[in-house]
Amino acid sequence: MGATSGAVWGRAEQQDFRSRVRGTLLGAAVGDALGSPVGGLSMDEIRETHGAEGLIDMTFGHGRRGAISHLTQLTLFTFDGLIRAQVRRDTGAWHPPTDLHRAYRRWSATQHDWGPDERRKEDGWLALEEWMYARRDPARACLIGLADETMGTLDAPKNPDERGVEAAARSAPFGLLVGWEPQLVMQLAVECAAQTHGHPTAYLAAGAYAVIVHGLARGESLDAAVQRSLQLLAARPGQQPVADALQYALGAVRRGMPTPSRVEELAGAGTADGLLSVAVYCALVGEDVRQGLCLAVNHGGPSGAAGALTGALLGALHGETALPPAWLAELEGRPTMLVLADDFAMEMTQGPALHGPGGSSPGWLTRYPRA
């Protein structure tokens, strides 16, 4: 497959890819919506509220069932930024980290503006969605990292001591660049993570996670995708905590029945490496998507992030039809997500027909401006 390399896609390939793109985005959002309402509660508190089995269904958060958090908001803007980067490539301005930074800055505006500004046509359609202007417990590192025009880089990262999971949790879309080599996927995810999370544990977890999604989107097994991620991590300074976390997840699969206590053990202090370990473990041991997600969110830690990471893996692995339909039916913003996922799949498989030497679609360039 060569989504970004100019290769011709067959119809079956395009349909499979679109299902995996939809699965990745909707899976992340469902996991986020499932887990966010219990984030920070202890397992005892979760059981006290939701019964002996813990949380097994959508519950109320932010005033409704199926509400997403800032993690999904940022993931949507990652998709938007990647499409914009592809469109801007026609102009000769090819620097995806800059396009992603602009996209994340558009998210940042949603956290302090009252609503969309119809006059700002260069912001594109996603920034005009009013429901995106809800403040959903945004991580301080994201607000600080994106508070000004200065873009964090690997040489000068924003929040250099920040080891949180939020950068990894918005990084699944990088893995859907299936026409890219895995090492380039990792590099882009790492560079974009450093815009808000400057500790190697955080940005390398984001890179490792993107490579795992990349393998799944190309039809590999989860174990094979993790092994490739480990290979690419090996040469990176500061990679040991992330590599250890992935190895720990693989080893935990052989240690008996999965339990909340084992998930908490993997999560550790709730930093990016621990939550990546949780996601890989839950995706490996879950008999289906529902079980994997319930396992991921029932622990005394960042349940929304664990759910989002796990959901994207399972969605990339199995496609959208494997996701629980009752949960999708309640998911906030699902129509927007479906449009964005389909736009991403169309751009990656048929971009030259939308904007290229043979002509361009004015409607597409209005949705995803080159400016």
Protein backbone atom coordinates (compact mmCIF):
# COMPACT_ATOMS: atom_id res chain seq x y z
CA MET A 1 0.00 0.00 0.00
CA GLY A 2 1.19 3.51 -0.69
CA ALA A 3 -1.24 6.10 0.57
CA THR A 4 1.20 8.96 0.38
CA SER A 5 3.63 7.61 -2.18
CA GLY A 6 1.47 7.87 -5.30
CA ALA A 7 0.67 4.16 -5.58
CA VAL A 8 -2.64 3.12 -7.07
CA TRP A 9 -5.12 1.72 -4.57
CA GLY A 10 -7.62 -0.98 -5.48
CA ARG A 11 -11.20 -0.61 -4.36
CA ALA A 12 -10.94 -3.38 -1.74
CA GLU A 13 -7.78 -1.79 -0.34
CA GLN A 14 -9.48 1.58 -0.10
CA GLN A 15 -12.48 0.11 1.69
CA ASP A 16 -10.30 -1.78 4.15
CA PHE A 17 -8.22 1.32 4.84
CA ARG A 18 -11.29 3.48 5.39
CA SER A 19 -12.66 0.94 7.87
CA ARG A 20 -9.40 0.99 9.81
CA VAL A 21 -9.24 4.80 9.79
CA ARG A 22 -12.80 4.98 11.07
CA GLY A 23 -12.06 2.25 13.59
CA THR A 24 -8.98 4.08 14.88
CA LEU A 25 -10.74 7.40 15.42
CA LEU A 26 -14.03 6.02 16.71
CA GLY A 27 -12.24 3.46 18.87
CA ALA A 28 -10.13 6.14 20.50
CA ALA A 29 -13.20 8.32 21.07
CA VAL A 30 -15.30 5.48 22.51
CA GLY A 31 -12.50 4.49 24.88
CA ASP A 32 -12.08 8.10 25.95
CA ALA A 33 -15.83 8.55 26.52
CA LEU A 34 -16.07 5.26 28.43
CA GLY A 35 -13.14 5.91 30.75
CA SER A 36 -13.07 9.66 31.31
CA PRO A 37 -15.97 9.78 33.84
CA VAL A 38 -14.05 7.47 36.21
CA GLY A 39 -10.59 8.92 35.65
CA GLY A 40 -8.81 9.39 38.95
CA LEU A 41 -11.22 7.22 40.96
CA SER A 42 -9.82 4.24 42.82
CA MET A 43 -10.99 0.77 41.83
CA ASP A 44 -12.95 0.58 45.07
CA GLU A 45 -14.69 3.86 44.23
CA ILE A 46 -15.49 2.64 40.72
CA ARG A 47 -17.05 -0.55 42.13
CA GLU A 48 -18.95 1.41 44.75
CA THR A 49 -20.53 3.52 42.03
CA HIS A 50 -20.94 1.01 39.20
CA GLY A 51 -21.16 -2.41 40.86
CA ALA A 52 -18.87 -5.33 41.60
CA GLU A 53 -17.77 -5.71 37.97
CA GLY A 54 -16.80 -2.08 37.77
CA LEU A 55 -17.67 0.11 34.80
CA ILE A 56 -19.14 -1.98 31.97
CA ASP A 57 -21.18 0.62 30.06
CA MET A 58 -21.17 4.29 29.09
CA THR A 59 -21.94 6.58 31.98
CA PHE A 60 -22.45 10.31 32.50
CA GLY A 61 -19.58 12.73 32.08
CA HIS A 62 -19.75 16.43 31.22
CA GLY A 63 -23.53 16.25 31.50
CA ARG A 64 -24.24 13.40 29.10
CA ARG A 65 -23.41 9.81 28.24
CA GLY A 66 -20.74 9.34 25.62
CA ALA A 67 -19.03 12.69 26.13
CA ILE A 68 -15.46 12.95 24.87
CA SER A 69 -12.54 14.73 26.57
CA HIS A 70 -9.76 16.96 25.27
CA LEU A 71 -7.89 13.80 24.23
CA THR A 72 -10.36 13.17 21.41
CA GLN A 73 -10.52 16.85 20.53
CA LEU A 74 -6.76 16.84 19.98
CA THR A 75 -6.92 13.59 18.01
CA LEU A 76 -9.43 15.21 15.66
CA PHE A 77 -7.05 18.10 15.12
CA THR A 78 -4.22 15.65 14.45
CA PHE A 79 -6.27 14.24 11.57
CA ASP A 80 -7.03 17.76 10.37
CA GLY A 81 -3.37 18.77 10.50
CA LEU A 82 -2.24 15.71 8.55
CA ILE A 83 -4.76 16.36 5.78
CA ARG A 84 -3.70 20.01 5.64
CA ALA A 85 -0.04 18.95 5.42
CA GLN A 86 -0.80 16.79 2.39
CA VAL A 87 -2.72 19.61 0.70
CA ARG A 88 0.03 22.14 1.41
CA ARG A 89 2.60 19.79 -0.10
CA ASP A 90 1.44 21.03 -3.54
CA THR A 91 2.84 24.47 -2.72
CA GLY A 92 6.31 23.10 -1.99
CA ALA A 93 5.86 23.95 1.71
CA TRP A 94 6.43 20.49 3.15
CA HIS A 95 7.02 20.49 6.88
CA PRO A 96 4.34 18.39 8.61
CA PRO A 97 5.35 19.30 12.21
CA THR A 98 4.56 22.94 11.40
CA ASP A 99 1.17 21.99 9.98
CA LEU A 100 0.41 19.90 13.05
CA HIS A 101 1.47 22.74 15.32
CA ARG A 102 -0.95 25.05 13.50
CA ALA A 103 -3.68 22.45 13.92
CA TYR A 104 -2.99 22.12 17.64
CA ARG A 105 -3.03 25.90 17.92
CA ARG A 106 -6.52 25.82 16.38
CA TRP A 107 -7.50 23.39 19.14
CA SER A 108 -5.94 25.74 21.68
CA ALA A 109 -8.21 28.54 20.42
CA THR A 110 -11.25 26.37 21.16
CA GLN A 111 -10.22 26.31 24.79
CA HIS A 112 -10.44 30.06 25.31
CA ASP A 113 -12.66 31.45 22.51
CA TRP A 114 -16.42 31.58 22.96
CA GLY A 115 -17.02 29.91 19.63
CA PRO A 116 -15.89 29.74 16.00
CA ASP A 117 -15.07 32.86 14.02
CA GLU A 118 -16.74 32.51 10.61
CA ARG A 119 -14.41 35.16 9.21
CA ARG A 120 -11.32 32.99 9.66
CA LYS A 121 -11.69 30.95 6.48
CA GLU A 122 -8.08 29.76 6.72
CA ASP A 123 -9.01 27.72 9.81
CA GLY A 124 -10.99 25.21 7.73
CA TRP A 125 -14.20 23.40 8.62
CA LEU A 126 -13.24 21.54 11.81
CA ALA A 127 -12.50 24.77 13.68
CA LEU A 128 -16.03 25.95 12.76
CA GLU A 129 -17.69 23.08 14.61
CA GLU A 130 -19.35 24.71 17.64
CA TRP A 131 -19.41 21.54 19.76
CA MET A 132 -15.60 21.51 19.68
CA TYR A 133 -15.50 24.68 21.81
CA ALA A 134 -16.22 22.80 25.03
CA ARG A 135 -13.45 22.81 27.62
CA ARG A 136 -13.03 19.18 28.67
CA ASP A 137 -10.39 19.04 31.41
CA PRO A 138 -7.49 19.94 29.12
CA ALA A 139 -4.07 18.90 30.39
CA ARG A 140 -1.98 21.77 31.66
CA ALA A 141 0.97 20.66 29.51
CA CYS A 142 -1.15 20.98 26.37
CA LEU A 143 -2.41 24.45 27.30
CA ILE A 144 1.08 25.70 28.17
CA GLY A 145 2.80 24.05 25.22
CA LEU A 146 0.38 25.56 22.72
CA ALA A 147 -0.11 28.94 24.41
CA ASP A 148 2.07 30.87 21.95
CA GLU A 149 3.38 30.68 18.39
CA THR A 150 6.71 29.15 19.40
CA MET A 151 6.77 25.51 18.35
CA GLY A 152 8.46 23.02 20.63
CA THR A 153 11.10 20.88 18.92
CA LEU A 154 13.34 18.00 19.95
CA ASP A 155 16.20 20.47 20.39
CA ALA A 156 14.02 22.86 22.39
CA PRO A 157 10.94 20.95 23.59
CA LYS A 158 8.06 22.48 25.49
CA ASN A 159 7.60 21.22 29.07
CA PRO A 160 10.87 19.21 29.13
CA ASP A 161 9.97 17.44 32.38
CA GLU A 162 6.47 16.41 31.29
CA ARG A 163 6.01 12.63 31.08
CA GLY A 164 2.22 12.56 30.77
CA VAL A 165 0.24 10.47 28.32
CA GLU A 166 -1.66 13.19 26.46
CA ALA A 167 0.76 13.47 23.52
CA ALA A 168 0.64 9.72 22.95
CA ALA A 169 -3.16 9.75 23.18
CA ARG A 170 -3.45 12.14 20.21
CA SER A 171 -0.87 10.28 18.09
CA ALA A 172 -2.81 7.35 16.59
CA PRO A 173 -3.46 9.24 13.30
CA PHE A 174 0.27 9.31 12.53
CA GLY A 175 0.14 5.53 12.35
CA LEU A 176 -2.42 5.76 9.54
CA LEU A 177 0.22 7.18 7.19
CA VAL A 178 0.54 3.67 5.78
CA GLY A 179 2.53 4.78 2.74
CA TRP A 180 5.31 6.05 4.98
CA GLU A 181 8.18 4.00 6.33
CA PRO A 182 7.74 3.17 10.05
CA GLN A 183 10.82 5.12 11.11
CA LEU A 184 9.40 8.29 9.49
CA VAL A 185 6.06 7.73 11.24
CA MET A 186 7.91 7.49 14.55
CA GLN A 187 9.94 10.62 13.83
CA LEU A 188 6.90 12.71 12.97
CA ALA A 189 4.97 11.56 16.05
CA VAL A 190 7.98 12.24 18.27
CA GLU A 191 8.53 15.73 16.86
CA CYS A 192 4.85 16.64 17.26
CA ALA A 193 4.70 15.24 20.79
CA ALA A 194 7.63 17.47 21.80
CA GLN A 195 5.41 20.48 21.09
CA THR A 196 3.74 19.87 24.46
CA HIS A 197 5.50 16.93 26.19
CA GLY A 198 9.25 17.37 26.19
CA HIS A 199 10.45 14.43 28.28
CA PRO A 200 11.79 11.48 26.23
CA THR A 201 9.44 9.09 28.03
CA ALA A 202 6.43 11.05 26.75
CA TYR A 203 7.52 11.76 23.20
CA LEU A 204 9.04 8.31 22.62
CA ALA A 205 5.86 6.68 23.93
CA ALA A 206 3.97 8.72 21.32
CA GLY A 207 6.37 7.57 18.61
CA ALA A 208 6.22 3.95 19.68
CA TYR A 209 2.43 4.04 19.80
CA ALA A 210 2.19 5.54 16.30
CA VAL A 211 4.40 2.76 14.92
CA ILE A 212 2.20 0.12 16.54
CA VAL A 213 -0.92 1.66 14.96
CA HIS A 214 0.98 1.82 11.66
CA GLY A 215 1.63 -1.91 11.73
CA LEU A 216 -1.99 -2.69 12.57
CA ALA A 217 -3.28 -0.40 9.80
CA ARG A 218 -1.09 -2.32 7.35
CA GLY A 219 -2.60 -5.63 8.44
CA GLU A 220 0.08 -6.88 10.84
CA SER A 221 -0.60 -8.64 14.14
CA LEU A 222 -0.36 -6.61 17.33
CA ASP A 223 2.63 -8.62 18.50
CA ALA A 224 4.50 -7.99 15.23
CA ALA A 225 3.68 -4.29 15.39
CA VAL A 226 5.02 -4.06 18.95
CA GLN A 227 8.22 -5.87 17.95
CA ARG A 228 8.85 -3.38 15.14
CA SER A 229 8.25 -0.54 17.55
CA LEU A 230 10.83 -2.00 19.92
CA GLN A 231 13.35 -2.29 17.09
CA LEU A 232 12.92 1.36 16.16
CA LEU A 233 13.08 2.51 19.77
CA ALA A 234 16.41 0.80 20.35
CA ALA A 235 18.48 3.56 18.73
CA ARG A 236 16.72 6.42 20.55
CA PRO A 237 18.29 8.08 23.60
CA GLY A 238 16.04 7.78 26.64
CA GLN A 239 14.04 4.89 25.23
CA GLN A 240 14.54 2.37 28.05
CA PRO A 241 11.41 3.15 30.11
CA VAL A 242 9.21 2.89 27.02
CA ALA A 243 10.88 -0.30 25.77
CA ASP A 244 10.63 -1.83 29.24
CA ALA A 245 6.93 -0.96 29.42
CA LEU A 246 6.22 -2.65 26.09
CA GLN A 247 8.18 -5.76 27.11
CA TYR A 248 6.33 -5.79 30.43
CA ALA A 249 2.99 -5.73 28.60
CA LEU A 250 3.99 -8.67 26.41
CA GLY A 251 5.19 -10.62 29.44
CA ALA A 252 2.04 -9.89 31.44
CA VAL A 253 -0.09 -11.67 28.82
CA ARG A 254 1.36 -14.98 30.01
CA ARG A 255 0.70 -14.34 33.69
CA GLY A 256 -2.83 -15.62 34.06
CA MET A 257 -6.26 -14.04 33.91
CA PRO A 258 -6.34 -10.25 33.44
CA THR A 259 -7.42 -8.28 36.50
CA PRO A 260 -7.71 -4.60 37.46
CA SER A 261 -4.74 -5.03 39.80
CA ARG A 262 -2.56 -6.21 36.92
CA VAL A 263 -3.65 -3.22 34.85
CA GLU A 264 -2.79 -0.90 37.74
CA GLU A 265 0.59 -2.59 38.02
CA LEU A 266 1.26 -1.91 34.34
CA ALA A 267 0.02 1.68 34.59
CA GLY A 268 2.42 2.49 37.39
CA ALA A 269 2.48 6.22 38.08
CA GLY A 270 0.19 6.96 35.12
CA THR A 271 2.93 8.32 32.88
CA ALA A 272 3.02 7.76 29.13
CA ASP A 273 5.09 4.58 29.27
CA GLY A 274 2.76 2.92 31.78
CA LEU A 275 -0.41 3.82 29.90
CA LEU A 276 1.11 2.57 26.64
CA SER A 277 1.80 -0.71 28.42
CA VAL A 278 -1.82 -0.89 29.59
CA ALA A 279 -3.15 -0.29 26.08
CA VAL A 280 -1.01 -2.98 24.48
CA TYR A 281 -1.85 -5.46 27.22
CA CYS A 282 -5.61 -4.84 27.10
CA ALA A 283 -5.68 -5.01 23.31
CA LEU A 284 -3.81 -8.33 23.43
CA VAL A 285 -5.87 -10.06 26.13
CA GLY A 286 -9.37 -8.70 25.43
CA GLU A 287 -11.56 -11.34 23.82
CA ASP A 288 -13.35 -8.57 21.94
CA VAL A 289 -13.35 -4.78 21.78
CA ARG A 290 -15.84 -4.37 24.61
CA GLN A 291 -13.88 -6.57 27.00
CA GLY A 292 -10.57 -4.95 26.08
CA LEU A 293 -11.94 -1.47 26.69
CA CYS A 294 -13.63 -2.37 29.97
CA LEU A 295 -10.37 -3.85 31.19
CA ALA A 296 -8.50 -0.71 30.14
CA VAL A 297 -10.71 1.74 32.04
CA ASN A 298 -11.28 -0.16 35.30
CA HIS A 299 -8.29 0.91 37.36
CA GLY A 300 -7.30 3.73 39.65
CA GLY A 301 -5.55 5.92 37.12
CA PRO A 302 -6.10 7.96 33.91
CA SER A 303 -8.93 5.76 32.66
CA GLY A 304 -9.89 8.02 29.76
CA ALA A 305 -6.37 7.99 28.32
CA ALA A 306 -6.05 4.23 28.80
CA GLY A 307 -9.38 3.74 27.05
CA ALA A 308 -8.45 6.05 24.18
CA LEU A 309 -5.10 4.36 23.56
CA THR A 310 -6.63 0.89 23.73
CA GLY A 311 -9.62 1.79 21.57
CA ALA A 312 -7.48 3.14 18.75
CA LEU A 313 -5.37 -0.04 18.73
CA LEU A 314 -8.44 -2.25 18.60
CA GLY A 315 -10.10 -0.09 15.95
CA ALA A 316 -7.00 -0.12 13.75
CA LEU A 317 -6.70 -3.88 14.21
CA HIS A 318 -10.31 -4.88 13.56
CA GLY A 319 -11.94 -1.95 11.74
CA GLU A 320 -15.01 0.07 12.66
CA THR A 321 -17.54 -2.78 12.57
CA ALA A 322 -15.89 -4.44 15.58
CA LEU A 323 -16.75 -1.49 17.84
CA PRO A 324 -19.80 -1.85 20.14
CA PRO A 325 -22.71 -0.28 18.23
CA ALA A 326 -24.59 0.75 21.38
CA TRP A 327 -21.59 2.80 22.47
CA LEU A 328 -21.15 4.35 19.04
CA ALA A 329 -24.82 5.34 19.04
CA GLU A 330 -24.25 7.49 22.15
CA LEU A 331 -20.87 8.91 21.17
CA GLU A 332 -20.68 12.69 21.16
CA GLY A 333 -19.62 14.13 17.82
CA ARG A 334 -19.82 10.88 15.86
CA PRO A 335 -21.08 12.56 12.65
CA THR A 336 -18.07 14.91 12.67
CA MET A 337 -15.71 12.02 13.32
CA LEU A 338 -17.09 9.98 10.42
CA VAL A 339 -16.70 12.90 8.02
CA LEU A 340 -13.15 13.60 9.18
CA ALA A 341 -12.12 9.93 9.03
CA ASP A 342 -13.54 9.56 5.52
CA ASP A 343 -11.86 12.80 4.41
CA PHE A 344 -8.54 11.50 5.76
CA ALA A 345 -8.96 8.17 3.96
CA MET A 346 -9.89 9.94 0.72
CA GLU A 347 -6.95 12.33 0.95
CA MET A 348 -4.47 9.54 1.62
CA THR A 349 -5.75 7.28 -1.16
CA GLN A 350 -6.97 9.76 -3.79
CA GLY A 351 -5.27 13.05 -2.96
CA PRO A 352 -4.01 13.76 -6.50
CA ALA A 353 -7.60 13.71 -7.77
CA LEU A 354 -8.56 16.34 -5.19
CA HIS A 355 -5.64 18.70 -5.64
CA GLY A 356 -2.95 18.00 -8.17
CA PRO A 357 -1.51 18.77 -11.59
CA GLY A 358 -4.71 17.57 -13.28
CA GLY A 359 -6.92 20.03 -11.43
CA SER A 360 -8.31 20.56 -7.98
CA SER A 361 -11.58 20.55 -6.11
CA PRO A 362 -12.48 24.05 -4.88
CA GLY A 363 -14.69 22.50 -2.21
CA TRP A 364 -11.80 20.43 -0.85
CA LEU A 365 -9.49 23.44 -0.69
CA THR A 366 -12.18 25.37 1.17
CA ARG A 367 -12.41 22.56 3.72
CA TYR A 368 -8.63 22.18 4.00
CA PRO A 369 -7.09 25.53 2.95
CA ARG A 370 -3.49 25.74 1.80
CA ALA A 371 -3.05 28.97 3.77
